[in-house]
Amino acid sequence: MGLHISLCHPGVDPTPWLAGLRALLPKAVVSAWEPGAEPADYGVVWAPPQQFIDEQLQLKAVFNIGAGVDKLLQLRLPVGLRLVRLDDAGMAVQMAEYVCHALFRHYRAFETYEQQARAGYWLQRPPRPRADFPVGIMGMGVLGQRVAQAVQQFDFPVRGWSRAPRDVPGVQGFHGVGALDAFLAATRVLVCLLPLTPDTRNILCRATLSRLQPAAYVINVARGALLVEDDLLALIDSGHLAGATLDVFQSEPLAPGHPFWTHPCVQVTPHVSAQTLESDSLAQIAGKILALEQGQSVAGIVDRTRGY
């Protein structure tokens, strides 16, 4: 093949990624990037330093190991460099699992039953109609649509909000800034799956979260910078929001002493809602490299003007 692929994944043992790429692309030269390395044709990266971009001036494309490209877009990038993100690579089903778990835990009051059990207290709560818990999904891309499909299986009403119109079966669609208020007003369980862009940073703030239905619940599995954390806490403490399940945060790891750790209405997990699966990701990246070499188009090309 005569290709050179450079892997740049700081802080992670590159061995399994190198072995996987070599197995899938046996005619290519695959190496871990180091400063001063030989020029490569393709980069496979996660949070690369600016030096990688500055030195690798012959790259035909850079493949991001993950769905979110906000860290990559913070770098100074050549104008014509193609950025390619993972479409799914096993993350969508994980995201659907996580969101459904958080939804069920809140809707069925399992957090309350856990507290009762620890206190040795037996009390059954009456069932609540699913119709009273419309689920609103912000971000209707691959991950959002998979989550919507999963939630629908349990007969919850599902709304979806996106930048452009999305026709998703069984989902009441809203799109554009002008429809955001109506979407929020129709939502009691808010699931955030938006990409992080200048337009979406801090979008979950007092002004927007206040428009959710009373006793609404928030599930953020996208990016921590989408949420104004103090606004969320204030709305929970005021009673307007019932609580939240959060997998992502403004600063990670979540700092010791942060109020999220101990707040009784906030469930915290360490950014695990959809973890990158090596085998699925490697197969997708290798397939796209082969397609590009043959002059074919591939999915996942990042539109830098949109930020995803």
C-alpha atoms as a PDB file:
ATOM      1  CA  MET A   1       0.000   0.000   0.000  1.00  0.00           C
ATOM      2  CA  GLY A   2       2.931   2.319   0.710  1.00  0.00           C
ATOM      3  CA  LEU A   3       1.028   4.274   3.344  1.00  0.00           C
ATOM      4  CA  HIS A   4       2.376   5.681   6.584  1.00  0.00           C
ATOM      5  CA  ILE A   5      -0.046   6.043   9.493  1.00  0.00           C
ATOM      6  CA  SER A   6       0.932   7.944  12.625  1.00  0.00           C
ATOM      7  CA  LEU A   7      -0.802   7.277  15.940  1.00  0.00           C
ATOM      8  CA  CYS A   8      -0.844  10.150  18.447  1.00  0.00           C
ATOM      9  CA  HIS A   9      -2.684   9.289  21.658  1.00  0.00           C
ATOM     10  CA  PRO A  10      -0.755  10.935  24.543  1.00  0.00           C
ATOM     11  CA  GLY A  11      -0.837   9.193  27.891  1.00  0.00           C
ATOM     12  CA  VAL A  12      -2.119   5.872  26.540  1.00  0.00           C
ATOM     13  CA  ASP A  13      -0.182   2.695  25.789  1.00  0.00           C
ATOM     14  CA  PRO A  14      -0.131   2.666  21.962  1.00  0.00           C
ATOM     15  CA  THR A  15       0.636  -1.064  21.662  1.00  0.00           C
ATOM     16  CA  PRO A  16      -2.904  -2.414  21.078  1.00  0.00           C
ATOM     17  CA  TRP A  17      -3.782   0.408  18.675  1.00  0.00           C
ATOM     18  CA  LEU A  18      -0.596  -0.121  16.667  1.00  0.00           C
ATOM     19  CA  ALA A  19      -1.130  -3.879  16.562  1.00  0.00           C
ATOM     20  CA  GLY A  20      -4.743  -3.464  15.474  1.00  0.00           C
ATOM     21  CA  LEU A  21      -3.953  -1.045  12.665  1.00  0.00           C
ATOM     22  CA  ARG A  22      -1.083  -3.226  11.434  1.00  0.00           C
ATOM     23  CA  ALA A  23      -3.341  -6.267  11.356  1.00  0.00           C
ATOM     24  CA  LEU A  24      -6.045  -4.443   9.397  1.00  0.00           C
ATOM     25  CA  LEU A  25      -3.630  -2.577   7.097  1.00  0.00           C
ATOM     26  CA  PRO A  26      -0.717  -5.026   6.707  1.00  0.00           C
ATOM     27  CA  LYS A  27       0.877  -3.135   3.809  1.00  0.00           C
ATOM     28  CA  ALA A  28       1.022   0.159   5.691  1.00  0.00           C
ATOM     29  CA  VAL A  29       3.721   1.489   7.968  1.00  0.00           C
ATOM     30  CA  VAL A  30       2.104   2.212  11.332  1.00  0.00           C
ATOM     31  CA  SER A  31       4.056   3.984  14.058  1.00  0.00           C
ATOM     32  CA  ALA A  32       3.541   5.925  17.266  1.00  0.00           C
ATOM     33  CA  TRP A  33       4.250   9.603  16.771  1.00  0.00           C
ATOM     34  CA  GLU A  34       7.196  11.250  18.464  1.00  0.00           C
ATOM     35  CA  PRO A  35       8.496  14.784  17.913  1.00  0.00           C
ATOM     36  CA  GLY A  36      10.524  14.880  14.725  1.00  0.00           C
ATOM     37  CA  ALA A  37       8.933  11.715  13.279  1.00  0.00           C
ATOM     38  CA  GLU A  38       8.812  11.047   9.551  1.00  0.00           C
ATOM     39  CA  PRO A  39       5.880  12.556   7.632  1.00  0.00           C
ATOM     40  CA  ALA A  40       2.738  10.393   7.594  1.00  0.00           C
ATOM     41  CA  ASP A  41      -0.206  10.112   5.217  1.00  0.00           C
ATOM     42  CA  TYR A  42      -2.865   9.709   7.892  1.00  0.00           C
ATOM     43  CA  GLY A  43      -3.057  10.556  11.574  1.00  0.00           C
ATOM     44  CA  VAL A  44      -5.043   8.621  14.166  1.00  0.00           C
ATOM     45  CA  VAL A  45      -5.328  10.844  17.214  1.00  0.00           C
ATOM     46  CA  TRP A  46      -6.916  11.760  20.481  1.00  0.00           C
ATOM     47  CA  ALA A  47      -6.064  15.154  22.023  1.00  0.00           C
ATOM     48  CA  PRO A  48      -2.838  15.560  20.026  1.00  0.00           C
ATOM     49  CA  PRO A  49      -0.449  18.431  20.827  1.00  0.00           C
ATOM     50  CA  GLN A  50      -0.138  21.343  18.429  1.00  0.00           C
ATOM     51  CA  GLN A  51       3.351  20.064  17.565  1.00  0.00           C
ATOM     52  CA  PHE A  52       1.868  16.984  15.911  1.00  0.00           C
ATOM     53  CA  ILE A  53      -0.189  19.138  13.549  1.00  0.00           C
ATOM     54  CA  ASP A  54       2.667  21.548  12.918  1.00  0.00           C
ATOM     55  CA  GLU A  55       5.111  18.768  11.984  1.00  0.00           C
ATOM     56  CA  GLN A  56       2.786  16.488  10.025  1.00  0.00           C
ATOM     57  CA  LEU A  57       2.204  18.757   7.061  1.00  0.00           C
ATOM     58  CA  GLN A  58       1.547  15.989   4.508  1.00  0.00           C
ATOM     59  CA  LEU A  59      -1.465  14.454   6.216  1.00  0.00           C
ATOM     60  CA  LYS A  60      -4.368  13.599   3.925  1.00  0.00           C
ATOM     61  CA  ALA A  61      -6.738  13.231   6.877  1.00  0.00           C
ATOM     62  CA  VAL A  62      -6.786  13.002  10.649  1.00  0.00           C
ATOM     63  CA  PHE A  63      -9.010  10.416  12.320  1.00  0.00           C
ATOM     64  CA  ASN A  64     -10.295  11.343  15.767  1.00  0.00           C
ATOM     65  CA  ILE A  65     -10.585   8.448  18.229  1.00  0.00           C
ATOM     66  CA  GLY A  66     -14.028   9.415  19.472  1.00  0.00           C
ATOM     67  CA  ALA A  67     -17.178  11.182  18.389  1.00  0.00           C
ATOM     68  CA  GLY A  68     -16.411  14.574  19.932  1.00  0.00           C
ATOM     69  CA  VAL A  69     -13.908  16.729  18.040  1.00  0.00           C
ATOM     70  CA  ASP A  70     -13.981  19.887  20.165  1.00  0.00           C
ATOM     71  CA  LYS A  71     -10.441  19.366  21.511  1.00  0.00           C
ATOM     72  CA  LEU A  72      -9.099  18.831  18.005  1.00  0.00           C
ATOM     73  CA  LEU A  73     -10.784  21.988  16.724  1.00  0.00           C
ATOM     74  CA  GLN A  74      -9.030  24.043  19.385  1.00  0.00           C
ATOM     75  CA  LEU A  75      -5.727  23.496  17.530  1.00  0.00           C
ATOM     76  CA  ARG A  76      -4.387  25.568  14.630  1.00  0.00           C
ATOM     77  CA  LEU A  77      -5.236  23.335  11.688  1.00  0.00           C
ATOM     78  CA  PRO A  78      -4.292  23.618   8.009  1.00  0.00           C
ATOM     79  CA  VAL A  79      -7.240  24.871   5.984  1.00  0.00           C
ATOM     80  CA  GLY A  80      -7.488  21.833   3.726  1.00  0.00           C
ATOM     81  CA  LEU A  81      -6.877  19.116   6.312  1.00  0.00           C
ATOM     82  CA  ARG A  82      -9.788  16.675   6.523  1.00  0.00           C
ATOM     83  CA  LEU A  83     -10.925  15.720  10.008  1.00  0.00           C
ATOM     84  CA  VAL A  84     -12.857  12.484  10.381  1.00  0.00           C
ATOM     85  CA  ARG A  85     -14.738  11.446  13.506  1.00  0.00           C
ATOM     86  CA  LEU A  86     -16.086   8.056  14.484  1.00  0.00           C
ATOM     87  CA  ASP A  87     -19.702   7.545  13.479  1.00  0.00           C
ATOM     88  CA  ASP A  88     -20.536   5.073  16.204  1.00  0.00           C
ATOM     89  CA  ALA A  89     -17.915   2.333  16.753  1.00  0.00           C
ATOM     90  CA  GLY A  90     -19.958   0.687  19.501  1.00  0.00           C
ATOM     91  CA  MET A  91     -20.650   3.908  21.399  1.00  0.00           C
ATOM     92  CA  ALA A  92     -24.315   4.353  20.465  1.00  0.00           C
ATOM     93  CA  VAL A  93     -25.555   1.224  22.211  1.00  0.00           C
ATOM     94  CA  GLN A  94     -23.540   2.112  25.317  1.00  0.00           C
ATOM     95  CA  MET A  95     -25.070   5.575  25.316  1.00  0.00           C
ATOM     96  CA  ALA A  96     -28.549   4.098  25.003  1.00  0.00           C
ATOM     97  CA  GLU A  97     -27.850   1.755  27.934  1.00  0.00           C
ATOM     98  CA  TYR A  98     -26.612   4.588  30.103  1.00  0.00           C
ATOM     99  CA  VAL A  99     -29.476   6.964  29.342  1.00  0.00           C
ATOM    100  CA  CYS A 100     -32.118   4.287  29.854  1.00  0.00           C
ATOM    101  CA  HIS A 101     -30.556   3.327  33.182  1.00  0.00           C
ATOM    102  CA  ALA A 102     -30.574   6.942  34.369  1.00  0.00           C
ATOM    103  CA  LEU A 103     -34.124   7.430  33.092  1.00  0.00           C
ATOM    104  CA  PHE A 104     -35.437   4.294  34.813  1.00  0.00           C
ATOM    105  CA  ARG A 105     -33.623   5.079  38.043  1.00  0.00           C
ATOM    106  CA  HIS A 106     -35.367   8.431  38.212  1.00  0.00           C
ATOM    107  CA  TYR A 107     -38.759   7.481  36.799  1.00  0.00           C
ATOM    108  CA  ARG A 108     -39.117   4.366  38.975  1.00  0.00           C
ATOM    109  CA  ALA A 109     -37.739   6.220  42.027  1.00  0.00           C
ATOM    110  CA  PHE A 110     -35.034   3.613  42.504  1.00  0.00           C
ATOM    111  CA  GLU A 111     -32.801   6.214  44.189  1.00  0.00           C
ATOM    112  CA  THR A 112     -35.510   6.609  46.840  1.00  0.00           C
ATOM    113  CA  TYR A 113     -35.825   2.848  47.284  1.00  0.00           C
ATOM    114  CA  GLU A 114     -32.037   2.634  47.712  1.00  0.00           C
ATOM    115  CA  GLN A 115     -32.206   5.202  50.504  1.00  0.00           C
ATOM    116  CA  GLN A 116     -35.130   3.359  52.112  1.00  0.00           C
ATOM    117  CA  ALA A 117     -33.268   0.060  51.971  1.00  0.00           C
ATOM    118  CA  ARG A 118     -30.231   1.520  53.712  1.00  0.00           C
ATOM    119  CA  ALA A 119     -32.548   2.791  56.449  1.00  0.00           C
ATOM    120  CA  GLY A 120     -34.432  -0.521  56.707  1.00  0.00           C
ATOM    121  CA  TYR A 121     -37.649   1.193  55.658  1.00  0.00           C
ATOM    122  CA  TRP A 122     -40.350  -0.606  53.597  1.00  0.00           C
ATOM    123  CA  LEU A 123     -42.668   1.638  51.590  1.00  0.00           C
ATOM    124  CA  GLN A 124     -44.097   1.143  48.101  1.00  0.00           C
ATOM    125  CA  ARG A 125     -44.608   4.225  45.963  1.00  0.00           C
ATOM    126  CA  PRO A 126     -47.538   4.396  43.518  1.00  0.00           C
ATOM    127  CA  PRO A 127     -46.662   3.969  39.829  1.00  0.00           C
ATOM    128  CA  ARG A 128     -46.407   7.101  37.687  1.00  0.00           C
ATOM    129  CA  PRO A 129     -47.750   7.379  34.122  1.00  0.00           C
ATOM    130  CA  ARG A 130     -45.093   7.362  31.430  1.00  0.00           C
ATOM    131  CA  ALA A 131     -47.078  10.030  29.610  1.00  0.00           C
ATOM    132  CA  ASP A 132     -46.111  12.402  32.429  1.00  0.00           C
ATOM    133  CA  PHE A 133     -42.401  11.909  31.671  1.00  0.00           C
ATOM    134  CA  PRO A 134     -41.752  13.082  28.108  1.00  0.00           C
ATOM    135  CA  VAL A 135     -38.077  12.597  27.259  1.00  0.00           C
ATOM    136  CA  GLY A 136     -36.407  15.377  25.277  1.00  0.00           C
ATOM    137  CA  ILE A 137     -33.147  14.608  23.485  1.00  0.00           C
ATOM    138  CA  MET A 138     -30.920  17.552  22.541  1.00  0.00           C
ATOM    139  CA  GLY A 139     -28.795  16.441  19.601  1.00  0.00           C
ATOM    140  CA  MET A 140     -30.277  14.012  17.091  1.00  0.00           C
ATOM    141  CA  GLY A 141     -27.200  12.646  15.383  1.00  0.00           C
ATOM    142  CA  VAL A 142     -26.208   8.977  15.357  1.00  0.00           C
ATOM    143  CA  LEU A 143     -26.036   8.763  19.143  1.00  0.00           C
ATOM    144  CA  GLY A 144     -29.187  10.777  19.752  1.00  0.00           C
ATOM    145  CA  GLN A 145     -31.242   8.712  17.331  1.00  0.00           C
ATOM    146  CA  ARG A 146     -30.046   5.472  18.924  1.00  0.00           C
ATOM    147  CA  VAL A 147     -31.017   6.776  22.362  1.00  0.00           C
ATOM    148  CA  ALA A 148     -34.418   7.854  21.043  1.00  0.00           C
ATOM    149  CA  GLN A 149     -34.988   4.409  19.574  1.00  0.00           C
ATOM    150  CA  ALA A 150     -34.173   2.752  22.896  1.00  0.00           C
ATOM    151  CA  VAL A 151     -36.364   5.073  24.971  1.00  0.00           C
ATOM    152  CA  GLN A 152     -39.313   4.572  22.629  1.00  0.00           C
ATOM    153  CA  GLN A 153     -39.257   0.844  23.354  1.00  0.00           C
ATOM    154  CA  PHE A 154     -40.478   1.630  26.871  1.00  0.00           C
ATOM    155  CA  ASP A 155     -43.399   3.791  25.707  1.00  0.00           C
ATOM    156  CA  PHE A 156     -42.134   7.161  26.880  1.00  0.00           C
ATOM    157  CA  PRO A 157     -43.076  10.149  24.719  1.00  0.00           C
ATOM    158  CA  VAL A 158     -39.901  11.272  22.931  1.00  0.00           C
ATOM    159  CA  ARG A 159     -39.031  14.737  21.655  1.00  0.00           C
ATOM    160  CA  GLY A 160     -35.921  15.649  19.715  1.00  0.00           C
ATOM    161  CA  TRP A 161     -34.184  18.985  19.184  1.00  0.00           C
ATOM    162  CA  SER A 162     -31.496  19.595  16.591  1.00  0.00           C
ATOM    163  CA  ARG A 163     -29.969  22.400  14.586  1.00  0.00           C
ATOM    164  CA  ALA A 164     -31.535  21.220  11.311  1.00  0.00           C
ATOM    165  CA  PRO A 165     -34.774  19.270  10.743  1.00  0.00           C
ATOM    166  CA  ARG A 166     -34.560  15.546  11.539  1.00  0.00           C
ATOM    167  CA  ASP A 167     -37.319  13.143  10.585  1.00  0.00           C
ATOM    168  CA  VAL A 168     -36.996  10.362  13.166  1.00  0.00           C
ATOM    169  CA  PRO A 169     -39.920   7.894  13.369  1.00  0.00           C
ATOM    170  CA  GLY A 170     -41.840   8.185  16.612  1.00  0.00           C
ATOM    171  CA  VAL A 171     -40.041  11.354  17.715  1.00  0.00           C
ATOM    172  CA  GLN A 172     -41.687  14.777  17.860  1.00  0.00           C
ATOM    173  CA  GLY A 173     -39.087  16.945  16.188  1.00  0.00           C
ATOM    174  CA  PHE A 174     -38.041  20.509  16.967  1.00  0.00           C
ATOM    175  CA  HIS A 175     -35.232  22.333  15.216  1.00  0.00           C
ATOM    176  CA  GLY A 176     -33.452  25.640  15.319  1.00  0.00           C
ATOM    177  CA  VAL A 177     -33.086  28.274  18.008  1.00  0.00           C
ATOM    178  CA  GLY A 178     -36.655  29.426  17.448  1.00  0.00           C
ATOM    179  CA  ALA A 179     -38.048  26.061  18.524  1.00  0.00           C
ATOM    180  CA  LEU A 180     -35.861  25.581  21.600  1.00  0.00           C
ATOM    181  CA  ASP A 181     -38.316  27.076  24.087  1.00  0.00           C
ATOM    182  CA  ALA A 182     -41.172  24.898  22.827  1.00  0.00           C
ATOM    183  CA  PHE A 183     -38.941  21.814  23.009  1.00  0.00           C
ATOM    184  CA  LEU A 184     -37.924  22.548  26.597  1.00  0.00           C
ATOM    185  CA  ALA A 185     -41.507  23.216  27.650  1.00  0.00           C
ATOM    186  CA  ALA A 186     -42.482  19.814  26.255  1.00  0.00           C
ATOM    187  CA  THR A 187     -39.708  17.997  28.170  1.00  0.00           C
ATOM    188  CA  ARG A 188     -39.580  16.551  31.676  1.00  0.00           C
ATOM    189  CA  VAL A 189     -36.462  14.380  31.275  1.00  0.00           C
ATOM    190  CA  LEU A 190     -33.774  16.215  29.328  1.00  0.00           C
ATOM    191  CA  VAL A 191     -30.983  14.196  27.688  1.00  0.00           C
ATOM    192  CA  CYS A 192     -28.100  16.268  26.327  1.00  0.00           C
ATOM    193  CA  LEU A 193     -26.153  14.783  23.415  1.00  0.00           C
ATOM    194  CA  LEU A 194     -25.090  18.000  21.705  1.00  0.00           C
ATOM    195  CA  PRO A 195     -21.601  18.548  20.296  1.00  0.00           C
ATOM    196  CA  LEU A 196     -19.584  21.262  21.997  1.00  0.00           C
ATOM    197  CA  THR A 197     -19.366  24.311  19.732  1.00  0.00           C
ATOM    198  CA  PRO A 198     -19.251  28.079  20.368  1.00  0.00           C
ATOM    199  CA  ASP A 199     -23.043  28.103  19.912  1.00  0.00           C
ATOM    200  CA  THR A 200     -23.714  25.295  22.401  1.00  0.00           C
ATOM    201  CA  ARG A 201     -21.216  26.149  25.161  1.00  0.00           C
ATOM    202  CA  ASN A 202     -23.174  26.848  28.392  1.00  0.00           C
ATOM    203  CA  ILE A 203     -26.470  26.165  26.611  1.00  0.00           C
ATOM    204  CA  LEU A 204     -27.759  24.365  29.703  1.00  0.00           C
ATOM    205  CA  CYS A 205     -28.058  27.401  31.945  1.00  0.00           C
ATOM    206  CA  ARG A 206     -30.630  28.962  34.241  1.00  0.00           C
ATOM    207  CA  ALA A 207     -32.521  30.509  31.320  1.00  0.00           C
ATOM    208  CA  THR A 208     -32.948  27.247  29.407  1.00  0.00           C
ATOM    209  CA  LEU A 209     -33.250  24.810  32.304  1.00  0.00           C
ATOM    210  CA  SER A 210     -35.952  27.009  33.864  1.00  0.00           C
ATOM    211  CA  ARG A 211     -38.118  26.381  30.805  1.00  0.00           C
ATOM    212  CA  LEU A 212     -38.271  22.648  31.425  1.00  0.00           C
ATOM    213  CA  GLN A 213     -41.404  21.215  32.983  1.00  0.00           C
ATOM    214  CA  PRO A 214     -41.584  21.405  36.803  1.00  0.00           C
ATOM    215  CA  ALA A 215     -39.638  18.643  38.578  1.00  0.00           C
ATOM    216  CA  ALA A 216     -37.659  17.960  35.413  1.00  0.00           C
ATOM    217  CA  TYR A 217     -34.598  15.738  35.416  1.00  0.00           C
ATOM    218  CA  VAL A 218     -31.343  16.362  33.508  1.00  0.00           C
ATOM    219  CA  ILE A 219     -29.028  13.732  31.992  1.00  0.00           C
ATOM    220  CA  ASN A 220     -25.812  15.109  30.461  1.00  0.00           C
ATOM    221  CA  VAL A 221     -23.682  12.606  28.552  1.00  0.00           C
ATOM    222  CA  ALA A 222     -22.187  14.970  25.971  1.00  0.00           C
ATOM    223  CA  ARG A 223     -19.666  17.555  27.206  1.00  0.00           C
ATOM    224  CA  GLY A 224     -19.317  19.220  30.593  1.00  0.00           C
ATOM    225  CA  ALA A 225     -18.893  22.691  29.087  1.00  0.00           C
ATOM    226  CA  LEU A 226     -22.484  22.573  27.822  1.00  0.00           C
ATOM    227  CA  LEU A 227     -23.730  22.911  31.407  1.00  0.00           C
ATOM    228  CA  VAL A 228     -23.479  25.835  33.819  1.00  0.00           C
ATOM    229  CA  GLU A 229     -23.015  23.776  36.962  1.00  0.00           C
ATOM    230  CA  ASP A 230     -23.971  26.443  39.501  1.00  0.00           C
ATOM    231  CA  ASP A 231     -27.221  27.132  37.627  1.00  0.00           C
ATOM    232  CA  LEU A 232     -28.129  23.449  37.717  1.00  0.00           C
ATOM    233  CA  LEU A 233     -27.500  23.232  41.463  1.00  0.00           C
ATOM    234  CA  ALA A 234     -29.532  26.386  42.137  1.00  0.00           C
ATOM    235  CA  LEU A 235     -32.516  25.051  40.187  1.00  0.00           C
ATOM    236  CA  ILE A 236     -32.345  21.696  41.980  1.00  0.00           C
ATOM    237  CA  ASP A 237     -32.166  23.385  45.373  1.00  0.00           C
ATOM    238  CA  SER A 238     -35.095  25.649  44.459  1.00  0.00           C
ATOM    239  CA  GLY A 239     -37.214  22.600  43.600  1.00  0.00           C
ATOM    240  CA  HIS A 240     -37.680  23.402  39.912  1.00  0.00           C
ATOM    241  CA  LEU A 241     -35.468  20.466  38.932  1.00  0.00           C
ATOM    242  CA  ALA A 242     -35.750  17.072  40.584  1.00  0.00           C
ATOM    243  CA  GLY A 243     -32.117  16.170  40.006  1.00  0.00           C
ATOM    244  CA  ALA A 244     -29.539  15.111  37.473  1.00  0.00           C
ATOM    245  CA  THR A 245     -27.323  12.300  36.276  1.00  0.00           C
ATOM    246  CA  LEU A 246     -24.011  13.689  35.035  1.00  0.00           C
ATOM    247  CA  ASP A 247     -21.243  11.831  33.229  1.00  0.00           C
ATOM    248  CA  VAL A 248     -19.265  14.863  32.011  1.00  0.00           C
ATOM    249  CA  PHE A 249     -18.063  18.006  33.760  1.00  0.00           C
ATOM    250  CA  GLN A 250     -16.545  21.436  33.205  1.00  0.00           C
ATOM    251  CA  SER A 251     -13.281  20.123  34.661  1.00  0.00           C
ATOM    252  CA  GLU A 252     -12.317  16.459  34.677  1.00  0.00           C
ATOM    253  CA  PRO A 253     -11.613  14.599  36.859  1.00  0.00           C
ATOM    254  CA  LEU A 254     -14.283  16.189  39.021  1.00  0.00           C
ATOM    255  CA  ALA A 255     -12.478  18.100  41.763  1.00  0.00           C
ATOM    256  CA  PRO A 256     -12.501  16.809  45.334  1.00  0.00           C
ATOM    257  CA  GLY A 257     -14.994  18.797  47.333  1.00  0.00           C
ATOM    258  CA  HIS A 258     -17.177  19.647  44.340  1.00  0.00           C
ATOM    259  CA  PRO A 259     -20.820  19.795  45.509  1.00  0.00           C
ATOM    260  CA  PHE A 260     -21.859  17.236  42.886  1.00  0.00           C
ATOM    261  CA  TRP A 261     -20.086  14.506  44.851  1.00  0.00           C
ATOM    262  CA  THR A 262     -22.361  14.780  47.862  1.00  0.00           C
ATOM    263  CA  HIS A 263     -25.555  16.363  46.563  1.00  0.00           C
ATOM    264  CA  PRO A 264     -28.404  13.914  47.272  1.00  0.00           C
ATOM    265  CA  CYS A 265     -30.128  14.666  43.947  1.00  0.00           C
ATOM    266  CA  VAL A 266     -27.081  14.376  41.686  1.00  0.00           C
ATOM    267  CA  GLN A 267     -25.692  11.099  40.367  1.00  0.00           C
ATOM    268  CA  VAL A 268     -22.073  11.249  39.167  1.00  0.00           C
ATOM    269  CA  THR A 269     -20.145   8.867  36.889  1.00  0.00           C
ATOM    270  CA  PRO A 270     -16.559   9.354  35.598  1.00  0.00           C
ATOM    271  CA  HIS A 271     -17.133   9.948  31.856  1.00  0.00           C
ATOM    272  CA  VAL A 272     -18.050   6.346  31.064  1.00  0.00           C
ATOM    273  CA  SER A 273     -21.402   6.665  29.276  1.00  0.00           C
ATOM    274  CA  ALA A 274     -19.885   5.636  25.925  1.00  0.00           C
ATOM    275  CA  GLN A 275     -16.293   4.453  25.993  1.00  0.00           C
ATOM    276  CA  THR A 276     -14.250   3.939  22.842  1.00  0.00           C
ATOM    277  CA  LEU A 277     -14.115   0.276  21.808  1.00  0.00           C
ATOM    278  CA  GLU A 278     -10.731  -0.437  20.245  1.00  0.00           C
ATOM    279  CA  SER A 279     -11.766  -3.206  17.853  1.00  0.00           C
ATOM    280  CA  ASP A 280     -14.819  -1.357  16.498  1.00  0.00           C
ATOM    281  CA  SER A 281     -12.926   1.919  16.187  1.00  0.00           C
ATOM    282  CA  LEU A 282      -9.931   0.351  14.457  1.00  0.00           C
ATOM    283  CA  ALA A 283     -12.122  -1.447  11.941  1.00  0.00           C
ATOM    284  CA  GLN A 284     -13.954   1.771  11.102  1.00  0.00           C
ATOM    285  CA  ILE A 285     -10.768   3.835  10.774  1.00  0.00           C
ATOM    286  CA  ALA A 286      -9.034   1.237   8.602  1.00  0.00           C
ATOM    287  CA  GLY A 287     -12.095   0.949   6.366  1.00  0.00           C
ATOM    288  CA  LYS A 288     -12.251   4.692   5.884  1.00  0.00           C
ATOM    289  CA  ILE A 289      -8.542   4.938   5.061  1.00  0.00           C
ATOM    290  CA  LEU A 290      -8.983   2.283   2.370  1.00  0.00           C
ATOM    291  CA  ALA A 291     -12.026   4.120   1.022  1.00  0.00           C
ATOM    292  CA  LEU A 292     -10.213   7.453   0.857  1.00  0.00           C
ATOM    293  CA  GLU A 293      -7.273   5.840  -0.918  1.00  0.00           C
ATOM    294  CA  GLN A 294      -9.697   4.581  -3.544  1.00  0.00           C
ATOM    295  CA  GLY A 295     -11.203   8.030  -4.008  1.00  0.00           C
ATOM    296  CA  GLN A 296     -14.442   7.186  -2.229  1.00  0.00           C
ATOM    297  CA  SER A 297     -16.359   9.432   0.132  1.00  0.00           C
ATOM    298  CA  VAL A 298     -16.624   8.519   3.801  1.00  0.00           C
ATOM    299  CA  ALA A 299     -19.020   9.399   6.594  1.00  0.00           C
ATOM    300  CA  GLY A 300     -17.917  11.454   9.554  1.00  0.00           C
ATOM    301  CA  ILE A 301     -16.109  14.294   7.777  1.00  0.00           C
ATOM    302  CA  VAL A 302     -16.144  17.222  10.215  1.00  0.00           C
ATOM    303  CA  ASP A 303     -17.709  20.501   9.112  1.00  0.00           C
ATOM    304  CA  ARG A 304     -15.492  23.022  10.852  1.00  0.00           C
ATOM    305  CA  THR A 305     -18.034  25.824  10.514  1.00  0.00           C
ATOM    306  CA  ARG A 306     -20.505  23.783  12.569  1.00  0.00           C
ATOM    307  CA  GLY A 307     -17.920  22.281  14.887  1.00  0.00           C
ATOM    308  CA  TYR A 308     -18.863  18.633  14.326  1.00  0.00           C
END
